């Protein structure tokens, strides 16, 4: 149980670090360039298809905070709101372990999203400081994010459902 608490704290710290980077980058850029136009939406191939101001990234950071908060809070109450899903587990101990694993799993997914937002902001702002550069993102990075998300989901479900022990 101590390792799970440590993992949760580490994930909170990592999320906080990405959030501080995001806020710092946006605030520094917005204080040095008031009229900077940056992309605020990208197509799946990484092409910028909508533009706005740097302050629009504060909305993205707000969404990032909301996703993390809802993930952590939602995972905390998952057993109370969905008790029938926990019938899959045989004993009370298995149900408790599964609930804790779901919380960590939700934190990992939310941190993964925050890391992607951090990469996105860093990539866009780096290009914003280089006049004449395009804002297109490499589609490989988007595909890697999607692939990692699928991998996290698959491994997370395996980890959670491995909690169940066969009946003897």
N, C-alpha and C. Protein backbone atom coordinates (compact mmCIF):
# COMPACT_ATOMS: atom_id res chain seq x y z
N UNK A 1 0.82 -1.19 0.00
CA UNK A 1 0.00 0.00 0.00
C UNK A 1 0.87 1.26 0.00
N UNK A 2 2.03 1.19 0.63
CA UNK A 2 2.93 2.35 0.68
C UNK A 2 3.43 2.68 -0.72
N UNK A 3 3.73 1.65 -1.53
CA UNK A 3 4.21 1.90 -2.89
C UNK A 3 3.14 2.59 -3.72
N UNK A 4 1.88 2.24 -3.51
CA UNK A 4 0.78 2.86 -4.24
C UNK A 4 0.67 4.33 -3.84
N UNK A 5 0.78 4.61 -2.55
CA UNK A 5 0.73 6.01 -2.09
C UNK A 5 1.90 6.80 -2.67
N UNK A 6 3.07 6.19 -2.70
CA UNK A 6 4.24 6.86 -3.27
C UNK A 6 4.02 7.12 -4.76
N UNK A 7 3.48 6.15 -5.47
CA UNK A 7 3.20 6.34 -6.89
C UNK A 7 2.21 7.47 -7.10
N UNK A 8 1.20 7.55 -6.26
CA UNK A 8 0.20 8.61 -6.37
C UNK A 8 0.85 9.98 -6.13
N UNK A 9 1.69 10.08 -5.13
CA UNK A 9 2.37 11.35 -4.83
C UNK A 9 3.29 11.73 -5.98
N UNK A 10 4.04 10.77 -6.51
CA UNK A 10 4.93 11.05 -7.65
C UNK A 10 4.13 11.56 -8.84
N UNK A 11 2.99 10.95 -9.11
CA UNK A 11 2.15 11.39 -10.22
C UNK A 11 1.60 12.80 -9.99
N UNK A 12 1.24 13.11 -8.75
CA UNK A 12 0.79 14.47 -8.43
C UNK A 12 1.92 15.48 -8.67
N UNK A 13 3.11 15.13 -8.24
CA UNK A 13 4.27 16.01 -8.43
C UNK A 13 4.59 16.19 -9.91
N UNK A 14 4.59 15.11 -10.66
CA UNK A 14 4.86 15.19 -12.10
C UNK A 14 3.81 16.05 -12.81
N UNK A 15 2.55 15.86 -12.44
CA UNK A 15 1.50 16.69 -13.03
C UNK A 15 1.73 18.16 -12.69
N UNK A 16 2.06 18.43 -11.44
CA UNK A 16 2.32 19.82 -11.02
C UNK A 16 3.48 20.43 -11.80
N UNK A 17 4.51 19.63 -12.04
CA UNK A 17 5.66 20.14 -12.80
C UNK A 17 5.26 20.47 -14.24
N UNK A 18 4.48 19.60 -14.88
CA UNK A 18 4.04 19.90 -16.24
C UNK A 18 3.15 21.14 -16.26
N UNK A 19 2.32 21.27 -15.26
CA UNK A 19 1.42 22.42 -15.18
C UNK A 19 2.22 23.72 -14.99
N UNK A 20 3.22 23.68 -14.13
CA UNK A 20 4.06 24.87 -13.92
C UNK A 20 4.79 25.25 -15.21
N UNK A 21 5.30 24.26 -15.93
CA UNK A 21 5.96 24.55 -17.20
C UNK A 21 4.97 25.19 -18.17
N UNK A 22 3.78 24.62 -18.28
CA UNK A 22 2.78 25.14 -19.21
C UNK A 22 2.43 26.59 -18.87
N UNK A 23 2.13 26.84 -17.61
CA UNK A 23 1.77 28.21 -17.19
C UNK A 23 2.93 29.17 -17.40
N UNK A 24 4.12 28.74 -17.01
CA UNK A 24 5.29 29.59 -17.18
C UNK A 24 5.55 29.93 -18.64
N UNK A 25 5.48 28.94 -19.50
CA UNK A 25 5.74 29.18 -20.93
C UNK A 25 4.71 30.13 -21.52
N UNK A 26 3.45 29.92 -21.22
CA UNK A 26 2.41 30.80 -21.76
C UNK A 26 2.55 32.21 -21.21
N UNK A 27 2.81 32.34 -19.92
CA UNK A 27 2.92 33.67 -19.32
C UNK A 27 4.16 34.42 -19.83
N UNK A 28 5.26 33.72 -20.00
CA UNK A 28 6.47 34.38 -20.51
C UNK A 28 6.25 34.86 -21.94
N UNK A 29 5.71 33.99 -22.77
CA UNK A 29 5.47 34.37 -24.16
C UNK A 29 4.45 35.51 -24.25
N UNK A 30 3.37 35.43 -23.47
CA UNK A 30 2.34 36.46 -23.55
C UNK A 30 2.84 37.80 -23.03
N UNK A 31 3.79 37.79 -22.10
CA UNK A 31 4.32 39.07 -21.59
C UNK A 31 5.33 39.69 -22.55
N UNK A 32 5.93 38.90 -23.42
CA UNK A 32 6.90 39.45 -24.36
C UNK A 32 6.29 39.76 -25.73
N UNK A 33 5.19 39.11 -26.08
CA UNK A 33 4.57 39.32 -27.39
C UNK A 33 3.06 39.38 -27.23
N UNK A 34 2.51 40.60 -27.22
CA UNK A 34 1.08 40.76 -27.02
C UNK A 34 0.25 40.31 -28.21
N UNK A 35 0.76 40.50 -29.42
CA UNK A 35 -0.04 40.23 -30.61
C UNK A 35 0.35 38.94 -31.32
N UNK A 36 0.95 38.02 -30.61
CA UNK A 36 1.40 36.77 -31.20
C UNK A 36 0.21 35.90 -31.58
N UNK A 37 0.17 35.48 -32.83
CA UNK A 37 -0.86 34.58 -33.31
C UNK A 37 -0.28 33.17 -33.33
N UNK A 38 -0.98 32.27 -32.68
CA UNK A 38 -0.51 30.88 -32.59
C UNK A 38 -1.65 29.94 -32.98
N UNK A 39 -1.31 28.74 -33.41
CA UNK A 39 -2.37 27.78 -33.72
C UNK A 39 -3.05 27.29 -32.44
N UNK A 40 -4.35 27.14 -32.52
CA UNK A 40 -5.07 26.63 -31.35
C UNK A 40 -5.76 25.31 -31.65
N UNK A 41 -5.68 24.87 -32.90
CA UNK A 41 -6.24 23.57 -33.25
C UNK A 41 -5.43 22.98 -34.39
N UNK A 42 -5.26 21.66 -34.35
CA UNK A 42 -4.51 20.95 -35.37
C UNK A 42 -5.35 19.81 -35.92
N UNK A 43 -5.16 19.52 -37.19
CA UNK A 43 -5.80 18.33 -37.77
C UNK A 43 -4.99 17.11 -37.35
N UNK A 44 -5.49 15.93 -37.65
CA UNK A 44 -4.83 14.69 -37.23
C UNK A 44 -3.44 14.55 -37.85
N UNK A 45 -3.22 15.18 -39.00
CA UNK A 45 -1.90 15.08 -39.62
C UNK A 45 -0.92 16.14 -39.12
N UNK A 46 -1.37 16.96 -38.13
CA UNK A 46 -0.48 17.93 -37.51
C UNK A 46 -0.50 19.30 -38.14
N UNK A 47 -1.37 19.53 -39.12
CA UNK A 47 -1.45 20.83 -39.79
C UNK A 47 -2.30 21.77 -38.94
N UNK A 48 -1.79 22.97 -38.70
CA UNK A 48 -2.54 23.98 -37.96
C UNK A 48 -3.73 24.42 -38.81
N UNK A 49 -4.94 24.33 -38.24
CA UNK A 49 -6.11 24.71 -39.02
C UNK A 49 -6.98 25.77 -38.34
N UNK A 50 -6.54 26.27 -37.19
CA UNK A 50 -7.24 27.36 -36.52
C UNK A 50 -6.22 28.13 -35.68
N UNK A 51 -6.35 29.46 -35.70
CA UNK A 51 -5.37 30.30 -35.01
C UNK A 51 -6.05 31.22 -34.01
N UNK A 52 -5.31 31.63 -33.00
CA UNK A 52 -5.81 32.54 -31.98
C UNK A 52 -4.63 33.21 -31.30
N UNK A 53 -4.86 33.72 -30.10
CA UNK A 53 -3.80 34.39 -29.35
C UNK A 53 -3.17 33.41 -28.36
N UNK A 54 -2.05 33.81 -27.84
CA UNK A 54 -1.34 32.96 -26.89
C UNK A 54 -2.18 32.74 -25.62
N UNK A 55 -3.02 33.70 -25.27
CA UNK A 55 -3.87 33.55 -24.09
C UNK A 55 -4.89 32.41 -24.25
N UNK A 56 -5.17 32.03 -25.49
CA UNK A 56 -6.08 30.90 -25.72
C UNK A 56 -5.50 29.61 -25.14
N UNK A 57 -4.20 29.56 -24.96
CA UNK A 57 -3.60 28.37 -24.37
C UNK A 57 -3.93 28.25 -22.89
N UNK A 58 -4.34 29.34 -22.27
CA UNK A 58 -4.78 29.25 -20.88
C UNK A 58 -6.04 28.38 -20.78
N UNK A 59 -6.86 28.40 -21.82
CA UNK A 59 -8.04 27.52 -21.85
C UNK A 59 -7.59 26.07 -21.90
N UNK A 60 -6.59 25.77 -22.73
CA UNK A 60 -6.06 24.41 -22.81
C UNK A 60 -5.50 23.96 -21.46
N UNK A 61 -4.82 24.85 -20.78
CA UNK A 61 -4.28 24.52 -19.45
C UNK A 61 -5.44 24.28 -18.48
N UNK A 62 -6.49 25.08 -18.59
CA UNK A 62 -7.67 24.87 -17.75
C UNK A 62 -8.31 23.52 -18.01
N UNK A 63 -8.39 23.13 -19.27
CA UNK A 63 -8.93 21.80 -19.62
C UNK A 63 -8.03 20.72 -19.04
N UNK A 64 -6.74 20.93 -19.10
CA UNK A 64 -5.78 19.97 -18.53
C UNK A 64 -6.03 19.80 -17.03
N UNK A 65 -6.21 20.89 -16.32
CA UNK A 65 -6.48 20.83 -14.88
C UNK A 65 -7.80 20.11 -14.62
N UNK A 66 -8.81 20.44 -15.43
CA UNK A 66 -10.11 19.81 -15.27
C UNK A 66 -10.05 18.30 -15.50
N UNK A 67 -9.33 17.89 -16.54
CA UNK A 67 -9.18 16.45 -16.83
C UNK A 67 -8.50 15.75 -15.65
N UNK A 68 -7.44 16.34 -15.14
CA UNK A 68 -6.73 15.72 -14.02
C UNK A 68 -7.62 15.63 -12.78
N UNK A 69 -8.29 16.75 -12.45
CA UNK A 69 -9.14 16.77 -11.26
C UNK A 69 -10.29 15.77 -11.38
N UNK A 70 -10.95 15.75 -12.53
CA UNK A 70 -12.06 14.81 -12.71
C UNK A 70 -11.57 13.36 -12.68
N UNK A 71 -10.38 13.11 -13.22
CA UNK A 71 -9.83 11.75 -13.19
C UNK A 71 -9.57 11.29 -11.77
N UNK A 72 -8.94 12.15 -10.99
CA UNK A 72 -8.60 11.78 -9.62
C UNK A 72 -9.85 11.66 -8.75
N UNK A 73 -10.74 12.64 -8.86
CA UNK A 73 -11.97 12.62 -8.05
C UNK A 73 -12.87 11.48 -8.50
N UNK A 74 -13.04 11.33 -9.80
CA UNK A 74 -13.89 10.26 -10.32
C UNK A 74 -13.38 8.89 -9.91
N UNK A 75 -12.07 8.68 -9.97
CA UNK A 75 -11.50 7.39 -9.59
C UNK A 75 -11.67 7.13 -8.11
N UNK A 76 -11.66 8.19 -7.33
CA UNK A 76 -11.81 8.03 -5.88
C UNK A 76 -13.20 7.49 -5.51
N UNK A 77 -14.19 7.87 -6.31
CA UNK A 77 -15.56 7.46 -6.01
C UNK A 77 -16.09 6.39 -6.95
N UNK A 78 -15.22 5.78 -7.74
CA UNK A 78 -15.67 4.82 -8.74
C UNK A 78 -16.38 3.62 -8.10
N UNK A 79 -15.92 3.20 -6.98
CA UNK A 79 -16.54 2.03 -6.34
C UNK A 79 -17.92 2.37 -5.78
N UNK A 80 -18.08 3.58 -5.29
CA UNK A 80 -19.38 3.98 -4.74
C UNK A 80 -20.40 4.22 -5.84
N UNK A 81 -19.95 4.73 -6.97
CA UNK A 81 -20.89 5.05 -8.04
C UNK A 81 -21.16 3.86 -8.97
N UNK A 82 -20.28 2.87 -8.96
CA UNK A 82 -20.44 1.70 -9.83
C UNK A 82 -20.21 0.40 -9.06
N UNK A 83 -20.98 0.15 -8.02
CA UNK A 83 -20.71 -1.05 -7.21
C UNK A 83 -20.91 -2.36 -7.97
N UNK A 84 -21.82 -2.37 -8.94
CA UNK A 84 -22.07 -3.61 -9.69
C UNK A 84 -20.85 -4.03 -10.49
N UNK A 85 -20.02 -3.10 -10.92
CA UNK A 85 -18.81 -3.46 -11.68
C UNK A 85 -17.78 -4.15 -10.79
N UNK A 86 -17.85 -3.92 -9.51
CA UNK A 86 -16.89 -4.53 -8.59
C UNK A 86 -17.31 -5.94 -8.20
N UNK A 87 -18.47 -6.38 -8.64
CA UNK A 87 -18.88 -7.76 -8.39
C UNK A 87 -17.98 -8.75 -9.13
N UNK A 88 -17.23 -8.26 -10.11
CA UNK A 88 -16.27 -9.09 -10.84
C UNK A 88 -15.22 -9.66 -9.88
N UNK A 89 -14.89 -8.89 -8.83
CA UNK A 89 -13.88 -9.31 -7.86
C UNK A 89 -14.56 -10.12 -6.76
N UNK A 90 -13.89 -11.14 -6.26
CA UNK A 90 -14.50 -12.09 -5.34
C UNK A 90 -14.55 -11.60 -3.89
N UNK A 91 -13.45 -11.05 -3.40
CA UNK A 91 -13.38 -10.69 -1.98
C UNK A 91 -13.34 -9.18 -1.80
N UNK A 92 -13.58 -8.78 -0.57
CA UNK A 92 -13.52 -7.34 -0.25
C UNK A 92 -12.11 -6.80 -0.46
N UNK A 93 -11.10 -7.59 -0.12
CA UNK A 93 -9.72 -7.16 -0.32
C UNK A 93 -9.43 -6.93 -1.80
N UNK A 94 -9.90 -7.82 -2.66
CA UNK A 94 -9.71 -7.63 -4.11
C UNK A 94 -10.40 -6.35 -4.57
N UNK A 95 -11.58 -6.09 -4.05
CA UNK A 95 -12.32 -4.87 -4.44
C UNK A 95 -11.57 -3.62 -4.00
N UNK A 96 -11.01 -3.65 -2.79
CA UNK A 96 -10.25 -2.50 -2.30
C UNK A 96 -8.99 -2.28 -3.14
N UNK A 97 -8.28 -3.36 -3.45
CA UNK A 97 -7.07 -3.24 -4.27
C UNK A 97 -7.41 -2.72 -5.66
N UNK A 98 -8.50 -3.21 -6.24
CA UNK A 98 -8.91 -2.75 -7.57
C UNK A 98 -9.24 -1.26 -7.55
N UNK A 99 -9.92 -0.80 -6.51
CA UNK A 99 -10.27 0.62 -6.41
C UNK A 99 -9.02 1.50 -6.34
N UNK A 100 -8.02 1.04 -5.59
CA UNK A 100 -6.76 1.79 -5.49
C UNK A 100 -6.03 1.79 -6.85
N UNK A 101 -6.03 0.65 -7.50
CA UNK A 101 -5.37 0.56 -8.81
C UNK A 101 -6.07 1.45 -9.84
N UNK A 102 -7.39 1.53 -9.76
CA UNK A 102 -8.13 2.40 -10.69
C UNK A 102 -7.74 3.85 -10.47
N UNK A 103 -7.54 4.24 -9.22
CA UNK A 103 -7.12 5.63 -8.93
C UNK A 103 -5.76 5.91 -9.57
N UNK A 104 -4.82 5.01 -9.41
CA UNK A 104 -3.49 5.20 -9.99
C UNK A 104 -3.58 5.20 -11.52
N UNK A 105 -4.36 4.30 -12.06
CA UNK A 105 -4.56 4.22 -13.50
C UNK A 105 -5.12 5.53 -14.05
N UNK A 106 -6.10 6.10 -13.37
CA UNK A 106 -6.68 7.38 -13.81
C UNK A 106 -5.64 8.49 -13.74
N UNK A 107 -4.82 8.48 -12.70
CA UNK A 107 -3.76 9.48 -12.58
C UNK A 107 -2.75 9.34 -13.71
N UNK A 108 -2.39 8.12 -14.05
CA UNK A 108 -1.42 7.90 -15.14
C UNK A 108 -1.98 8.43 -16.45
N UNK A 109 -3.24 8.13 -16.73
CA UNK A 109 -3.86 8.63 -17.96
C UNK A 109 -3.92 10.16 -17.97
N UNK A 110 -4.30 10.76 -16.85
CA UNK A 110 -4.38 12.22 -16.78
C UNK A 110 -3.00 12.86 -16.90
N UNK A 111 -1.98 12.25 -16.29
CA UNK A 111 -0.63 12.77 -16.44
C UNK A 111 -0.16 12.64 -17.89
N UNK A 112 -0.49 11.54 -18.51
CA UNK A 112 -0.14 11.32 -19.91
C UNK A 112 -0.72 12.45 -20.79
N UNK A 113 -1.96 12.81 -20.54
CA UNK A 113 -2.59 13.91 -21.25
C UNK A 113 -1.86 15.22 -20.97
N UNK A 114 -1.48 15.44 -19.71
CA UNK A 114 -0.76 16.66 -19.34
C UNK A 114 0.61 16.72 -20.00
N UNK A 115 1.28 15.59 -20.10
CA UNK A 115 2.58 15.55 -20.78
C UNK A 115 2.42 15.90 -22.25
N UNK A 116 1.34 15.42 -22.87
CA UNK A 116 1.07 15.75 -24.27
C UNK A 116 0.80 17.25 -24.42
N UNK A 117 0.02 17.82 -23.52
CA UNK A 117 -0.27 19.26 -23.56
C UNK A 117 1.04 20.05 -23.40
N UNK A 118 1.90 19.59 -22.50
CA UNK A 118 3.20 20.25 -22.30
C UNK A 118 4.02 20.20 -23.59
N UNK A 119 4.09 19.03 -24.21
CA UNK A 119 4.82 18.91 -25.47
C UNK A 119 4.22 19.83 -26.53
N UNK A 120 2.90 19.86 -26.61
CA UNK A 120 2.22 20.69 -27.60
C UNK A 120 2.54 22.17 -27.39
N UNK A 121 2.44 22.64 -26.16
CA UNK A 121 2.73 24.05 -25.87
C UNK A 121 4.19 24.36 -26.15
N UNK A 122 5.09 23.48 -25.73
CA UNK A 122 6.52 23.72 -25.97
C UNK A 122 6.82 23.76 -27.46
N UNK A 123 6.22 22.86 -28.22
CA UNK A 123 6.45 22.81 -29.66
C UNK A 123 5.93 24.05 -30.36
N UNK A 124 4.74 24.45 -30.01
CA UNK A 124 4.13 25.63 -30.65
C UNK A 124 4.88 26.90 -30.25
N UNK A 125 5.21 27.03 -28.99
CA UNK A 125 5.89 28.24 -28.54
C UNK A 125 7.32 28.32 -29.07
N UNK A 126 7.97 27.18 -29.21
CA UNK A 126 9.32 27.18 -29.80
C UNK A 126 9.26 27.71 -31.23
N UNK A 127 8.25 27.27 -31.96
CA UNK A 127 8.09 27.74 -33.33
C UNK A 127 7.66 29.20 -33.37
N UNK A 128 6.90 29.65 -32.36
CA UNK A 128 6.45 31.04 -32.31
C UNK A 128 7.63 32.00 -32.16
N UNK A 129 8.67 31.56 -31.49
CA UNK A 129 9.84 32.41 -31.31
C UNK A 129 10.75 32.41 -32.53
N UNK A 130 10.51 31.53 -33.48
CA UNK A 130 11.29 31.49 -34.71
C UNK A 130 10.44 32.02 -35.86
N UNK A 131 10.55 33.32 -36.15
CA UNK A 131 9.73 33.89 -37.21
C UNK A 131 9.96 33.15 -38.54
N UNK A 132 8.87 32.96 -39.26
CA UNK A 132 8.97 32.32 -40.56
C UNK A 132 8.81 30.81 -40.51
N UNK A 133 8.80 30.22 -39.32
CA UNK A 133 8.63 28.76 -39.25
C UNK A 133 7.14 28.43 -39.31
N UNK A 134 6.84 27.26 -39.83
CA UNK A 134 5.43 26.86 -39.86
C UNK A 134 5.06 26.26 -38.51
N UNK A 135 3.78 26.15 -38.28
CA UNK A 135 3.29 25.62 -37.02
C UNK A 135 2.88 24.16 -37.11
N UNK A 136 3.14 23.54 -38.22
CA UNK A 136 2.73 22.16 -38.39
C UNK A 136 3.49 21.25 -37.43
N UNK A 137 2.77 20.35 -36.84
CA UNK A 137 3.37 19.37 -35.94
C UNK A 137 3.68 18.11 -36.72
N UNK A 138 4.68 17.40 -36.29
CA UNK A 138 4.98 16.12 -36.93
C UNK A 138 3.88 15.13 -36.55
N UNK A 139 3.30 14.51 -37.55
CA UNK A 139 2.20 13.57 -37.27
C UNK A 139 2.70 12.36 -36.48
N UNK A 140 3.98 12.08 -36.55
CA UNK A 140 4.52 10.95 -35.80
C UNK A 140 4.31 11.15 -34.30
N UNK A 141 4.43 12.40 -33.82
CA UNK A 141 4.24 12.67 -32.40
C UNK A 141 2.79 12.43 -31.98
N UNK A 142 1.87 12.80 -32.84
CA UNK A 142 0.46 12.57 -32.55
C UNK A 142 0.17 11.07 -32.54
N UNK A 143 0.74 10.36 -33.50
CA UNK A 143 0.54 8.91 -33.55
C UNK A 143 1.18 8.22 -32.35
N UNK A 144 2.34 8.71 -31.90
CA UNK A 144 2.98 8.15 -30.71
C UNK A 144 2.09 8.37 -29.49
N UNK A 145 1.51 9.58 -29.38
CA UNK A 145 0.60 9.86 -28.26
C UNK A 145 -0.58 8.90 -28.29
N UNK A 146 -1.19 8.70 -29.45
CA UNK A 146 -2.33 7.79 -29.57
C UNK A 146 -1.90 6.36 -29.25
N UNK A 147 -0.74 5.94 -29.75
CA UNK A 147 -0.23 4.60 -29.46
C UNK A 147 0.07 4.40 -27.99
N UNK A 148 0.69 5.40 -27.36
CA UNK A 148 0.96 5.29 -25.92
C UNK A 148 -0.33 5.24 -25.11
N UNK A 149 -1.32 6.03 -25.53
CA UNK A 149 -2.61 6.00 -24.85
C UNK A 149 -3.22 4.61 -24.92
N UNK A 150 -3.19 4.01 -26.10
CA UNK A 150 -3.72 2.65 -26.26
C UNK A 150 -2.93 1.67 -25.40
N UNK A 151 -1.61 1.81 -25.36
CA UNK A 151 -0.78 0.94 -24.53
C UNK A 151 -1.08 1.10 -23.05
N UNK A 152 -1.23 2.33 -22.60
CA UNK A 152 -1.56 2.58 -21.19
C UNK A 152 -2.91 1.97 -20.85
N UNK A 153 -3.88 2.14 -21.73
CA UNK A 153 -5.21 1.56 -21.49
C UNK A 153 -5.13 0.04 -21.38
N UNK A 154 -4.45 -0.58 -22.32
CA UNK A 154 -4.34 -2.04 -22.33
C UNK A 154 -3.63 -2.55 -21.08
N UNK A 155 -2.46 -1.99 -20.79
CA UNK A 155 -1.70 -2.44 -19.62
C UNK A 155 -2.42 -2.11 -18.31
N UNK A 156 -3.10 -0.97 -18.28
CA UNK A 156 -3.84 -0.59 -17.08
C UNK A 156 -4.97 -1.55 -16.78
N UNK A 157 -5.72 -1.93 -17.81
CA UNK A 157 -6.80 -2.89 -17.60
C UNK A 157 -6.25 -4.25 -17.17
N UNK A 158 -5.16 -4.67 -17.77
CA UNK A 158 -4.54 -5.93 -17.34
C UNK A 158 -4.14 -5.85 -15.87
N UNK A 159 -3.53 -4.75 -15.48
CA UNK A 159 -3.05 -4.56 -14.11
C UNK A 159 -4.22 -4.58 -13.13
N UNK A 160 -5.31 -3.89 -13.47
CA UNK A 160 -6.46 -3.83 -12.58
C UNK A 160 -7.13 -5.20 -12.46
N UNK A 161 -7.37 -5.85 -13.59
CA UNK A 161 -8.09 -7.12 -13.56
C UNK A 161 -7.24 -8.29 -13.08
N UNK A 162 -5.93 -8.09 -13.03
CA UNK A 162 -5.04 -9.11 -12.47
C UNK A 162 -5.25 -9.23 -10.96
N UNK A 163 -5.91 -8.24 -10.38
CA UNK A 163 -6.19 -8.25 -8.94
C UNK A 163 -7.08 -9.42 -8.55
N UNK A 164 -7.93 -9.83 -9.48
CA UNK A 164 -8.86 -10.92 -9.20
C UNK A 164 -8.10 -12.25 -9.14
N UNK A 165 -8.34 -12.99 -8.11
CA UNK A 165 -7.73 -14.32 -7.94
C UNK A 165 -8.76 -15.37 -8.31
N UNK A 166 -8.32 -16.44 -8.93
CA UNK A 166 -9.26 -17.51 -9.26
C UNK A 166 -9.84 -18.16 -7.99
N UNK A 167 -11.08 -18.58 -8.07
CA UNK A 167 -11.71 -19.27 -6.95
C UNK A 167 -11.18 -20.70 -6.92
N UNK A 168 -10.85 -21.17 -5.73
CA UNK A 168 -10.30 -22.53 -5.59
C UNK A 168 -11.30 -23.43 -4.95
